[in-house]
Amino acid sequence: MGPIDVLMYEHRLIERMLKVLTVAAEHVKVEADGETFEKSIDFIRNFADKFHHAKEENELFPLIERKGIAKEGGPIGMMLQEHDVGRNYVKGMANSLRKYKTGDKSQTNIIFRNAMDYVNLLKEHIMKEDNILYPMGNRIISDQERSFLVQRFKEIDAKAAGVGVSEKYHNLVNELEKKFNISYK
């Protein structure tokens, strides 16, 4: 499996969590399921951001930028900006959830809005990476660079496996899909 394949594989798990978050957001109109939102925020912060985005931001993007794909005013800069926007939505969701749990029931609309804004952003973001940026990068990196990225990703995965990141978050998504009767296909 090449480095782009690894990232796209991780996108599929992120998309599954986006479905869970969408269902949880629809339910928040009645009452917020604090546990599900906490688990979703944990997944986003630790799997999507620290694990997946770190591979992009620290490994793939700098390499393809050096190979000529523009950062400033280009697709890499756009992806980095979207990562930051997503982080802000998650921060807003977490802050509103904290307030909701202390009794401020007016926060449900803000939780819903941040959750859905994040879901919509990430759906488009993943589509752009899978169909535009990744293929561009794949065309310009050499086999040697692919091997280097695969090795770096394995090192990142091994470090994360030591604390059970991949298994933990796959299990979490499976658990939440069962909770909301979401089939993965």
C-alpha atoms as a PDB file:
ATOM      1  CA  MET A   1       0.000   0.000   0.000  1.00  0.00           C
ATOM      2  CA  GLY A   2       1.412   3.364  -1.049  1.00  0.00           C
ATOM      3  CA  PRO A   3       1.338   6.529   1.072  1.00  0.00           C
ATOM      4  CA  ILE A   4      -1.661   7.989  -0.739  1.00  0.00           C
ATOM      5  CA  ASP A   5      -3.535   4.710  -0.286  1.00  0.00           C
ATOM      6  CA  VAL A   6      -2.832   4.864   3.455  1.00  0.00           C
ATOM      7  CA  LEU A   7      -4.252   8.374   3.706  1.00  0.00           C
ATOM      8  CA  MET A   8      -7.309   7.472   1.640  1.00  0.00           C
ATOM      9  CA  TYR A   9      -7.897   4.399   3.816  1.00  0.00           C
ATOM     10  CA  GLU A  10      -7.872   6.673   6.869  1.00  0.00           C
ATOM     11  CA  HIS A  11     -10.337   8.966   5.084  1.00  0.00           C
ATOM     12  CA  ARG A  12     -12.823   6.103   4.911  1.00  0.00           C
ATOM     13  CA  LEU A  13     -12.810   5.771   8.720  1.00  0.00           C
ATOM     14  CA  ILE A  14     -13.147   9.541   9.096  1.00  0.00           C
ATOM     15  CA  GLU A  15     -16.137   9.479   6.720  1.00  0.00           C
ATOM     16  CA  ARG A  16     -17.755   6.787   8.856  1.00  0.00           C
ATOM     17  CA  MET A  17     -17.372   9.030  11.905  1.00  0.00           C
ATOM     18  CA  LEU A  18     -18.870  11.913   9.934  1.00  0.00           C
ATOM     19  CA  LYS A  19     -22.008   9.795   9.439  1.00  0.00           C
ATOM     20  CA  VAL A  20     -22.153   9.128  13.178  1.00  0.00           C
ATOM     21  CA  LEU A  21     -21.682  12.820  13.938  1.00  0.00           C
ATOM     22  CA  THR A  22     -24.455  13.716  11.480  1.00  0.00           C
ATOM     23  CA  VAL A  23     -26.900  11.370  13.227  1.00  0.00           C
ATOM     24  CA  ALA A  24     -25.831  12.634  16.664  1.00  0.00           C
ATOM     25  CA  ALA A  25     -26.285  16.226  15.471  1.00  0.00           C
ATOM     26  CA  GLU A  26     -29.811  15.472  14.272  1.00  0.00           C
ATOM     27  CA  HIS A  27     -30.634  14.045  17.717  1.00  0.00           C
ATOM     28  CA  VAL A  28     -29.163  17.104  19.475  1.00  0.00           C
ATOM     29  CA  LYS A  29     -32.209  19.095  18.387  1.00  0.00           C
ATOM     30  CA  VAL A  30     -34.096  17.133  21.044  1.00  0.00           C
ATOM     31  CA  GLU A  31     -31.317  16.474  23.555  1.00  0.00           C
ATOM     32  CA  ALA A  32     -27.546  16.372  23.287  1.00  0.00           C
ATOM     33  CA  ASP A  33     -25.954  12.966  23.732  1.00  0.00           C
ATOM     34  CA  GLY A  34     -22.923  14.210  25.632  1.00  0.00           C
ATOM     35  CA  GLU A  35     -21.146  10.862  25.581  1.00  0.00           C
ATOM     36  CA  THR A  36     -21.384  10.522  21.797  1.00  0.00           C
ATOM     37  CA  PHE A  37     -20.206  14.077  21.227  1.00  0.00           C
ATOM     38  CA  GLU A  38     -17.307  13.588  23.638  1.00  0.00           C
ATOM     39  CA  LYS A  39     -16.287  10.412  21.819  1.00  0.00           C
ATOM     40  CA  SER A  40     -16.654  12.140  18.435  1.00  0.00           C
ATOM     41  CA  ILE A  41     -14.531  15.077  19.564  1.00  0.00           C
ATOM     42  CA  ASP A  42     -11.918  12.670  20.920  1.00  0.00           C
ATOM     43  CA  PHE A  43     -11.866  10.830  17.567  1.00  0.00           C
ATOM     44  CA  ILE A  44     -11.561  14.058  15.591  1.00  0.00           C
ATOM     45  CA  ARG A  45      -8.813  15.500  17.761  1.00  0.00           C
ATOM     46  CA  ASN A  46      -6.761  12.351  18.161  1.00  0.00           C
ATOM     47  CA  PHE A  47      -7.360  10.255  15.044  1.00  0.00           C
ATOM     48  CA  ALA A  48      -8.321  12.744  12.340  1.00  0.00           C
ATOM     49  CA  ASP A  49      -6.077  15.563  13.511  1.00  0.00           C
ATOM     50  CA  LYS A  50      -3.098  14.273  15.491  1.00  0.00           C
ATOM     51  CA  PHE A  51      -2.788  10.987  13.589  1.00  0.00           C
ATOM     52  CA  HIS A  52      -4.069  11.583  10.037  1.00  0.00           C
ATOM     53  CA  HIS A  53      -3.537  15.318   9.515  1.00  0.00           C
ATOM     54  CA  ALA A  54      -0.073  15.017  11.051  1.00  0.00           C
ATOM     55  CA  LYS A  55       0.925  12.659   8.218  1.00  0.00           C
ATOM     56  CA  GLU A  56      -0.288  15.188   5.692  1.00  0.00           C
ATOM     57  CA  GLU A  57       1.044  18.319   7.384  1.00  0.00           C
ATOM     58  CA  ASN A  58       4.410  16.943   8.502  1.00  0.00           C
ATOM     59  CA  GLU A  59       5.242  14.509   5.713  1.00  0.00           C
ATOM     60  CA  LEU A  60       3.214  14.611   2.477  1.00  0.00           C
ATOM     61  CA  PHE A  61       2.500  18.322   2.106  1.00  0.00           C
ATOM     62  CA  PRO A  62       6.092  19.519   2.676  1.00  0.00           C
ATOM     63  CA  LEU A  63       7.364  16.927   0.190  1.00  0.00           C
ATOM     64  CA  ILE A  64       4.953  17.817  -2.588  1.00  0.00           C
ATOM     65  CA  GLU A  65       5.475  21.516  -1.910  1.00  0.00           C
ATOM     66  CA  ARG A  66       9.212  21.020  -2.474  1.00  0.00           C
ATOM     67  CA  LYS A  67       8.280  19.226  -5.703  1.00  0.00           C
ATOM     68  CA  GLY A  68       6.366  22.254  -6.996  1.00  0.00           C
ATOM     69  CA  ILE A  69       2.784  22.137  -5.715  1.00  0.00           C
ATOM     70  CA  ALA A  70       2.020  25.577  -4.328  1.00  0.00           C
ATOM     71  CA  LYS A  71       1.302  26.137  -0.688  1.00  0.00           C
ATOM     72  CA  GLU A  72       0.566  29.857  -0.623  1.00  0.00           C
ATOM     73  CA  GLY A  73      -2.423  30.479  -2.850  1.00  0.00           C
ATOM     74  CA  GLY A  74      -2.418  26.829  -3.897  1.00  0.00           C
ATOM     75  CA  PRO A  75      -4.037  23.533  -2.954  1.00  0.00           C
ATOM     76  CA  ILE A  76      -1.729  22.788  -0.014  1.00  0.00           C
ATOM     77  CA  GLY A  77      -2.481  26.154   1.568  1.00  0.00           C
ATOM     78  CA  MET A  78      -6.200  25.559   1.050  1.00  0.00           C
ATOM     79  CA  MET A  79      -6.025  22.155   2.748  1.00  0.00           C
ATOM     80  CA  LEU A  80      -4.054  23.595   5.689  1.00  0.00           C
ATOM     81  CA  GLN A  81      -6.559  26.421   6.027  1.00  0.00           C
ATOM     82  CA  GLU A  82      -9.415  23.914   6.039  1.00  0.00           C
ATOM     83  CA  HIS A  83      -7.648  21.884   8.746  1.00  0.00           C
ATOM     84  CA  ASP A  84      -7.598  25.055  10.882  1.00  0.00           C
ATOM     85  CA  VAL A  85     -11.255  25.854  10.153  1.00  0.00           C
ATOM     86  CA  GLY A  86     -12.170  22.295  11.154  1.00  0.00           C
ATOM     87  CA  ARG A  87     -10.227  22.647  14.396  1.00  0.00           C
ATOM     88  CA  ASN A  88     -12.226  25.786  15.176  1.00  0.00           C
ATOM     89  CA  TYR A  89     -15.531  23.974  14.589  1.00  0.00           C
ATOM     90  CA  VAL A  90     -14.407  21.196  16.930  1.00  0.00           C
ATOM     91  CA  LYS A  91     -13.331  23.732  19.533  1.00  0.00           C
ATOM     92  CA  GLY A  92     -16.744  25.418  19.250  1.00  0.00           C
ATOM     93  CA  MET A  93     -18.505  22.077  19.564  1.00  0.00           C
ATOM     94  CA  ALA A  94     -16.437  21.144  22.645  1.00  0.00           C
ATOM     95  CA  ASN A  95     -17.008  24.528  24.323  1.00  0.00           C
ATOM     96  CA  SER A  96     -20.754  24.397  23.694  1.00  0.00           C
ATOM     97  CA  LEU A  97     -20.955  20.806  24.905  1.00  0.00           C
ATOM     98  CA  ARG A  98     -19.175  21.779  28.134  1.00  0.00           C
ATOM     99  CA  LYS A  99     -21.698  24.595  28.682  1.00  0.00           C
ATOM    100  CA  TYR A 100     -24.606  22.276  27.822  1.00  0.00           C
ATOM    101  CA  LYS A 101     -23.422  19.729  30.379  1.00  0.00           C
ATOM    102  CA  THR A 102     -23.423  22.412  33.089  1.00  0.00           C
ATOM    103  CA  GLY A 103     -27.080  23.124  32.393  1.00  0.00           C
ATOM    104  CA  ASP A 104     -27.130  25.642  29.535  1.00  0.00           C
ATOM    105  CA  LYS A 105     -29.612  23.876  27.236  1.00  0.00           C
ATOM    106  CA  SER A 106     -29.500  26.806  24.801  1.00  0.00           C
ATOM    107  CA  GLN A 107     -26.203  25.385  23.536  1.00  0.00           C
ATOM    108  CA  THR A 108     -27.898  22.653  21.479  1.00  0.00           C
ATOM    109  CA  ASN A 109     -28.172  24.899  18.408  1.00  0.00           C
ATOM    110  CA  ILE A 110     -24.490  25.821  18.635  1.00  0.00           C
ATOM    111  CA  ILE A 111     -23.468  22.173  19.069  1.00  0.00           C
ATOM    112  CA  PHE A 112     -25.609  21.272  16.045  1.00  0.00           C
ATOM    113  CA  ARG A 113     -24.230  24.097  13.902  1.00  0.00           C
ATOM    114  CA  ASN A 114     -20.577  23.354  14.729  1.00  0.00           C
ATOM    115  CA  ALA A 115     -21.052  19.620  14.209  1.00  0.00           C
ATOM    116  CA  MET A 116     -22.750  20.058  10.842  1.00  0.00           C
ATOM    117  CA  ASP A 117     -20.325  22.738   9.692  1.00  0.00           C
ATOM    118  CA  TYR A 118     -17.484  20.337  10.530  1.00  0.00           C
ATOM    119  CA  VAL A 119     -19.184  17.436   8.727  1.00  0.00           C
ATOM    120  CA  ASN A 120     -19.845  19.510   5.603  1.00  0.00           C
ATOM    121  CA  LEU A 121     -16.320  20.948   5.593  1.00  0.00           C
ATOM    122  CA  LEU A 122     -14.695  17.536   5.977  1.00  0.00           C
ATOM    123  CA  LYS A 123     -16.835  15.869   3.300  1.00  0.00           C
ATOM    124  CA  GLU A 124     -15.706  18.496   0.769  1.00  0.00           C
ATOM    125  CA  HIS A 125     -12.159  18.509   2.124  1.00  0.00           C
ATOM    126  CA  ILE A 126     -11.769  14.746   1.761  1.00  0.00           C
ATOM    127  CA  MET A 127     -13.244  14.879  -1.746  1.00  0.00           C
ATOM    128  CA  LYS A 128     -10.681  17.538  -2.760  1.00  0.00           C
ATOM    129  CA  GLU A 129      -7.776  15.625  -1.271  1.00  0.00           C
ATOM    130  CA  ASP A 130      -8.824  12.246  -2.716  1.00  0.00           C
ATOM    131  CA  ASN A 131      -9.661  13.564  -6.190  1.00  0.00           C
ATOM    132  CA  ILE A 132      -7.373  16.562  -6.708  1.00  0.00           C
ATOM    133  CA  LEU A 133      -4.422  17.002  -4.335  1.00  0.00           C
ATOM    134  CA  TYR A 134      -3.484  13.368  -3.763  1.00  0.00           C
ATOM    135  CA  PRO A 135      -3.468  12.494  -7.482  1.00  0.00           C
ATOM    136  CA  MET A 136      -1.394  15.634  -8.175  1.00  0.00           C
ATOM    137  CA  GLY A 137       1.081  14.590  -5.504  1.00  0.00           C
ATOM    138  CA  ASN A 138       1.127  10.990  -6.644  1.00  0.00           C
ATOM    139  CA  ARG A 139       2.131  12.093 -10.153  1.00  0.00           C
ATOM    140  CA  ILE A 140       5.163  14.067  -8.991  1.00  0.00           C
ATOM    141  CA  ILE A 141       6.679  11.975  -6.225  1.00  0.00           C
ATOM    142  CA  SER A 142       9.247   9.370  -7.151  1.00  0.00           C
ATOM    143  CA  ASP A 143       9.191   5.710  -6.167  1.00  0.00           C
ATOM    144  CA  GLN A 144      11.997   6.453  -3.706  1.00  0.00           C
ATOM    145  CA  GLU A 145       9.942   9.255  -2.142  1.00  0.00           C
ATOM    146  CA  ARG A 146       6.909   6.957  -1.992  1.00  0.00           C
ATOM    147  CA  SER A 147       8.993   4.386  -0.139  1.00  0.00           C
ATOM    148  CA  PHE A 148      10.251   7.082   2.220  1.00  0.00           C
ATOM    149  CA  LEU A 149       6.686   8.249   2.958  1.00  0.00           C
ATOM    150  CA  VAL A 150       5.501   4.679   3.498  1.00  0.00           C
ATOM    151  CA  GLN A 151       8.338   4.196   5.984  1.00  0.00           C
ATOM    152  CA  ARG A 152       7.567   7.462   7.786  1.00  0.00           C
ATOM    153  CA  PHE A 153       3.856   6.558   7.935  1.00  0.00           C
ATOM    154  CA  LYS A 154       4.772   3.130   9.365  1.00  0.00           C
ATOM    155  CA  GLU A 155       6.858   4.855  12.027  1.00  0.00           C
ATOM    156  CA  ILE A 156       3.961   7.160  12.878  1.00  0.00           C
ATOM    157  CA  ASP A 157       1.583   4.187  12.913  1.00  0.00           C
ATOM    158  CA  ALA A 158       3.944   2.152  15.119  1.00  0.00           C
ATOM    159  CA  LYS A 159       4.239   4.987  17.615  1.00  0.00           C
ATOM    160  CA  ALA A 160       0.450   5.378  17.642  1.00  0.00           C
ATOM    161  CA  ALA A 161      -0.044   1.600  17.885  1.00  0.00           C
ATOM    162  CA  GLY A 162       1.990   1.644  21.066  1.00  0.00           C
ATOM    163  CA  VAL A 163      -0.843   3.597  22.631  1.00  0.00           C
ATOM    164  CA  GLY A 164      -3.500   1.754  20.617  1.00  0.00           C
ATOM    165  CA  VAL A 165      -4.634   4.699  18.470  1.00  0.00           C
ATOM    166  CA  SER A 166      -5.715   2.863  15.320  1.00  0.00           C
ATOM    167  CA  GLU A 167      -7.443  -0.027  17.051  1.00  0.00           C
ATOM    168  CA  LYS A 168      -9.066   2.250  19.625  1.00  0.00           C
ATOM    169  CA  TYR A 169     -10.618   4.524  17.024  1.00  0.00           C
ATOM    170  CA  HIS A 170     -11.712   1.745  14.687  1.00  0.00           C
ATOM    171  CA  ASN A 171     -13.467   0.149  17.664  1.00  0.00           C
ATOM    172  CA  LEU A 172     -14.970   3.488  18.664  1.00  0.00           C
ATOM    173  CA  VAL A 173     -16.454   4.055  15.213  1.00  0.00           C
ATOM    174  CA  ASN A 174     -17.824   0.490  15.178  1.00  0.00           C
ATOM    175  CA  GLU A 175     -19.392   1.043  18.621  1.00  0.00           C
ATOM    176  CA  LEU A 176     -21.045   4.324  17.625  1.00  0.00           C
ATOM    177  CA  GLU A 177     -22.311   2.910  14.314  1.00  0.00           C
ATOM    178  CA  LYS A 178     -23.987   0.100  16.262  1.00  0.00           C
ATOM    179  CA  LYS A 179     -25.432   2.575  18.755  1.00  0.00           C
ATOM    180  CA  PHE A 180     -27.111   4.542  15.953  1.00  0.00           C
ATOM    181  CA  ASN A 181     -27.802   1.536  13.714  1.00  0.00           C
ATOM    182  CA  ILE A 182     -25.601   2.878  10.932  1.00  0.00           C
ATOM    183  CA  SER A 183     -24.414   0.251   8.495  1.00  0.00           C
ATOM    184  CA  TYR A 184     -20.958   0.590   7.049  1.00  0.00           C
ATOM    185  CA  LYS A 185     -20.842  -0.219   3.372  1.00  0.00           C
END
